[in-house]
Amino acid sequence: MSDRRTTFQRGEDELREIEVLIISAQDLKNVKHLTKMRAYAVVYVEKDFHMAKTQVDEHGGNNPTWNQVVKVKFQAKLDEKDVLAAVNVDIYGHGHVREKPVGSARVLLCDVLKGGDASDPVDNPIQCLTVQVWRSSGRPQGLLNLWIPPTGRFLMRRESLSFSVKEVADEEMVEREVATSLGGGGEEGRLVAVTMGCYSLMHVRRVSK
């Protein structure tokens, strides 16, 4: 029995888990011609090892919004600098008969995981990243908005981490004003002034397996 516990513990120690905020997508291919597309996303680093899934967006059609944090596990020995080491997001249209692939996006682990102190807002901002969605044919169509903390873990445990791309600029301005009113210094000021914003990684390209 002790050997089984040791084996299980060793296996758990060899795993790494990161958190990914899947925000939304826009201008996706509508794979449902007769009904409104109900999209969801499957997130993974090593597909055969572990996958996480968002809920189905019932109303967004080809512009779905999920605003959901998923946890993705992969082997700790995976080299983050490897060009094949990436967070992959496959988007599907939910159906009663079969799931139809909409497109895929990927972000290299070395582009997003920078390390640092997970308890420090400076090292662990909440932002959003926009990447290209690619059809299975290799054709670009649509954009995916997501965020992966540089430390792999979200510091802020609000009731919801959700926000829309349109809201980001307004929220950033409000947070700056609040931080300024607090004097812009001290721990409280730093916590309020957690960076929020959007940027794109449009150089990301689909890599064939």
Protein backbone atom coordinates (compact mmCIF):
# COMPACT_ATOMS: atom_id res chain seq x y z
CA MET A 1 0.00 0.00 0.00
CA SER A 2 2.82 2.40 0.85
CA ASP A 3 4.40 1.72 -2.55
CA ARG A 4 1.17 2.68 -4.29
CA ARG A 5 0.99 5.96 -2.34
CA THR A 6 4.63 6.73 -3.21
CA THR A 7 4.01 6.07 -6.90
CA PHE A 8 0.90 8.29 -6.91
CA GLN A 9 2.70 11.12 -5.11
CA ARG A 10 5.65 10.93 -7.48
CA GLY A 11 3.24 11.15 -10.44
CA GLU A 12 1.52 14.20 -8.96
CA ASP A 13 4.89 15.90 -8.40
CA GLU A 14 5.71 15.46 -12.07
CA LEU A 15 2.65 17.42 -13.19
CA ARG A 16 2.33 21.13 -13.78
CA GLU A 17 -0.96 23.01 -13.83
CA ILE A 18 -1.61 26.47 -15.28
CA GLU A 19 -4.74 28.60 -15.46
CA VAL A 20 -6.05 30.00 -18.73
CA LEU A 21 -8.79 32.62 -19.04
CA ILE A 22 -10.75 31.96 -22.23
CA ILE A 23 -12.51 35.28 -22.82
CA SER A 24 -14.23 35.37 -26.20
CA ALA A 25 -13.85 35.00 -29.96
CA GLN A 26 -15.04 37.00 -32.91
CA ASP A 27 -15.74 36.57 -36.62
CA LEU A 28 -15.50 32.80 -36.46
CA LYS A 29 -16.61 30.56 -39.30
CA ASN A 30 -20.29 29.68 -38.83
CA VAL A 31 -20.31 25.90 -39.16
CA LYS A 32 -24.04 25.68 -38.47
CA HIS A 33 -25.96 26.70 -41.56
CA LEU A 34 -29.53 26.05 -40.43
CA THR A 35 -29.27 26.90 -36.73
CA LYS A 36 -27.29 29.31 -34.60
CA MET A 37 -23.81 28.09 -33.77
CA ARG A 38 -23.24 27.11 -30.13
CA ALA A 39 -19.50 27.27 -29.63
CA TYR A 40 -17.22 25.93 -26.94
CA ALA A 41 -13.45 25.64 -26.56
CA VAL A 42 -11.17 22.73 -25.68
CA VAL A 43 -7.86 23.78 -24.12
CA TYR A 44 -4.72 21.66 -23.78
CA VAL A 45 -0.95 21.60 -23.84
CA GLU A 46 -0.59 17.86 -24.39
CA LYS A 47 -3.81 16.62 -25.97
CA ASP A 48 -3.28 12.97 -25.12
CA PHE A 49 -2.44 13.85 -21.52
CA HIS A 50 -5.06 16.35 -20.34
CA MET A 51 -7.73 18.62 -21.81
CA ALA A 52 -10.06 21.22 -20.28
CA LYS A 53 -13.35 22.42 -21.76
CA THR A 54 -15.37 25.62 -21.47
CA GLN A 55 -19.12 25.73 -21.27
CA VAL A 56 -21.14 26.07 -24.48
CA ASP A 57 -22.08 29.62 -25.45
CA GLU A 58 -25.75 29.35 -26.32
CA HIS A 59 -26.27 32.85 -27.67
CA GLY A 60 -23.11 34.33 -29.17
CA GLY A 61 -23.14 32.47 -32.48
CA ASN A 62 -19.90 33.15 -34.37
CA ASN A 63 -18.96 35.77 -31.74
CA PRO A 64 -19.05 33.65 -28.57
CA THR A 65 -18.19 34.83 -25.06
CA TRP A 66 -17.08 32.38 -22.37
CA ASN A 67 -15.21 34.39 -19.72
CA GLN A 68 -14.11 31.17 -18.09
CA VAL A 69 -10.92 30.13 -16.32
CA VAL A 70 -9.85 26.57 -17.07
CA LYS A 71 -6.99 24.62 -15.52
CA VAL A 72 -4.68 22.73 -17.83
CA LYS A 73 -2.24 20.04 -16.70
CA PHE A 74 0.87 18.89 -18.51
CA GLN A 75 4.12 17.13 -17.72
CA ALA A 76 6.53 19.27 -15.73
CA LYS A 77 9.46 17.97 -17.76
CA LEU A 78 8.04 19.61 -20.91
CA ASP A 79 10.54 22.14 -22.25
CA GLU A 80 8.77 25.53 -22.38
CA LYS A 81 11.23 26.77 -24.99
CA ASP A 82 10.24 24.02 -27.43
CA VAL A 83 8.23 25.44 -30.38
CA LEU A 84 5.79 22.55 -29.95
CA ALA A 85 5.16 23.44 -26.29
CA ALA A 86 2.05 25.58 -26.52
CA VAL A 87 -1.39 26.20 -25.12
CA ASN A 88 -3.77 25.02 -27.83
CA VAL A 89 -7.41 26.07 -28.09
CA ASP A 90 -9.70 24.11 -30.40
CA ILE A 91 -13.13 25.67 -30.96
CA TYR A 92 -16.13 23.52 -31.84
CA GLY A 93 -19.75 24.07 -32.75
CA HIS A 94 -21.89 21.92 -30.45
CA GLY A 95 -24.44 19.71 -32.14
CA HIS A 96 -26.90 16.94 -31.28
CA VAL A 97 -25.41 14.59 -33.85
CA ARG A 98 -21.73 15.58 -33.92
CA GLU A 99 -19.34 18.34 -32.91
CA LYS A 100 -18.14 20.44 -35.83
CA PRO A 101 -14.62 21.94 -35.72
CA VAL A 102 -14.61 25.72 -36.09
CA GLY A 103 -10.92 26.53 -35.82
CA SER A 104 -7.83 26.43 -33.63
CA ALA A 105 -5.43 28.86 -32.01
CA ARG A 106 -2.17 28.37 -30.15
CA VAL A 107 0.15 30.36 -27.92
CA LEU A 108 3.71 29.28 -27.22
CA LEU A 109 4.40 28.67 -23.53
CA CYS A 110 7.66 30.61 -23.81
CA ASP A 111 5.72 33.66 -25.03
CA VAL A 112 3.42 33.80 -21.99
CA LEU A 113 4.98 32.01 -19.01
CA LYS A 114 7.61 34.38 -17.66
CA GLY A 115 7.72 33.27 -14.02
CA GLY A 116 7.87 35.66 -11.09
CA ASP A 117 6.01 35.88 -7.80
CA ALA A 118 2.37 34.80 -8.15
CA SER A 119 1.45 36.98 -5.16
CA ASP A 120 2.91 40.14 -6.70
CA PRO A 121 0.53 42.12 -8.95
CA VAL A 122 3.47 43.48 -10.95
CA ASP A 123 4.50 39.94 -11.89
CA ASN A 124 0.94 38.72 -12.34
CA PRO A 125 -1.22 41.23 -14.26
CA ILE A 126 -4.66 40.53 -15.68
CA GLN A 127 -4.70 41.44 -19.35
CA CYS A 128 -5.95 39.93 -22.58
CA LEU A 129 -4.19 38.49 -25.57
CA THR A 130 -5.67 38.28 -29.07
CA VAL A 131 -4.50 35.50 -31.38
CA GLN A 132 -5.48 34.31 -34.84
CA VAL A 133 -7.91 31.42 -35.23
CA TRP A 134 -7.05 29.03 -38.06
CA ARG A 135 -9.39 26.74 -39.96
CA SER A 136 -8.35 23.10 -40.45
CA SER A 137 -7.54 24.00 -44.06
CA GLY A 138 -4.86 26.41 -42.83
CA ARG A 139 -6.93 29.47 -43.67
CA PRO A 140 -7.08 32.26 -41.05
CA GLN A 141 -10.60 33.15 -39.95
CA GLY A 142 -11.56 34.73 -36.65
CA LEU A 143 -9.81 35.91 -33.50
CA LEU A 144 -9.58 34.46 -30.00
CA ASN A 145 -9.21 36.58 -26.86
CA LEU A 146 -7.60 34.88 -23.88
CA TRP A 147 -5.14 35.47 -21.07
CA ILE A 148 -2.50 33.31 -19.41
CA PRO A 149 -0.84 34.79 -16.31
CA PRO A 150 2.98 35.01 -16.58
CA THR A 151 3.20 33.00 -13.37
CA GLY A 152 0.62 30.45 -14.55
CA ARG A 153 -1.77 31.36 -11.72
CA PHE A 154 -4.24 34.18 -11.23
CA LEU A 155 -3.58 36.36 -8.20
CA MET A 156 -6.93 38.15 -8.06
CA ARG A 157 -9.72 35.87 -6.85
CA ARG A 158 -12.70 38.02 -7.68
CA GLU A 159 -16.18 36.54 -8.06
CA SER A 160 -15.51 36.71 -11.78
CA LEU A 161 -12.43 37.47 -13.86
CA SER A 162 -14.66 38.17 -16.84
CA PHE A 163 -14.50 41.25 -18.97
CA SER A 164 -15.16 42.06 -22.59
CA VAL A 165 -12.56 43.45 -24.95
CA LYS A 166 -14.58 46.66 -25.26
CA GLU A 167 -14.58 47.15 -21.48
CA VAL A 168 -10.81 46.90 -21.05
CA ALA A 169 -9.94 50.51 -21.95
CA ASP A 170 -12.59 51.92 -19.60
CA GLU A 171 -11.54 49.65 -16.73
CA GLU A 172 -7.89 50.56 -17.20
CA MET A 173 -8.71 54.27 -17.03
CA VAL A 174 -10.83 53.83 -13.89
CA GLU A 175 -8.11 51.81 -12.16
CA ARG A 176 -5.53 54.46 -12.97
CA GLU A 177 -7.76 57.15 -11.51
CA VAL A 178 -8.34 55.14 -8.34
CA ALA A 179 -4.63 54.41 -7.99
CA THR A 180 -3.87 58.10 -8.42
CA SER A 181 -6.41 59.07 -5.77
CA LEU A 182 -4.71 56.64 -3.40
CA GLY A 183 -1.41 58.36 -4.01
CA GLY A 184 -0.11 55.77 -6.47
CA GLY A 185 2.03 54.17 -3.77
CA GLY A 186 1.92 51.57 -1.07
CA GLU A 187 0.59 48.04 -1.29
CA GLU A 188 -3.04 49.15 -1.61
CA GLY A 189 -2.23 51.40 -4.55
CA ARG A 190 -0.29 48.64 -6.25
CA LEU A 191 -3.14 46.15 -5.84
CA VAL A 192 -5.67 48.55 -7.33
CA ALA A 193 -3.35 49.41 -10.20
CA VAL A 194 -3.17 45.83 -11.52
CA THR A 195 -2.49 46.16 -15.23
CA MET A 196 -5.38 45.48 -17.59
CA GLY A 197 -5.18 45.82 -21.33
CA CYS A 198 -5.18 43.99 -24.64
CA TYR A 199 -2.52 43.22 -27.15
CA SER A 200 -2.28 40.88 -30.09
CA LEU A 201 0.09 38.10 -31.00
CA MET A 202 -0.81 37.98 -34.66
CA HIS A 203 2.54 36.48 -35.62
CA VAL A 204 1.39 33.19 -34.08
CA ARG A 205 0.92 30.63 -36.81
CA ARG A 206 -0.65 27.22 -36.90
CA VAL A 207 1.88 24.37 -36.68
CA SER A 208 0.95 21.11 -38.37
CA LYS A 209 1.33 18.04 -36.27
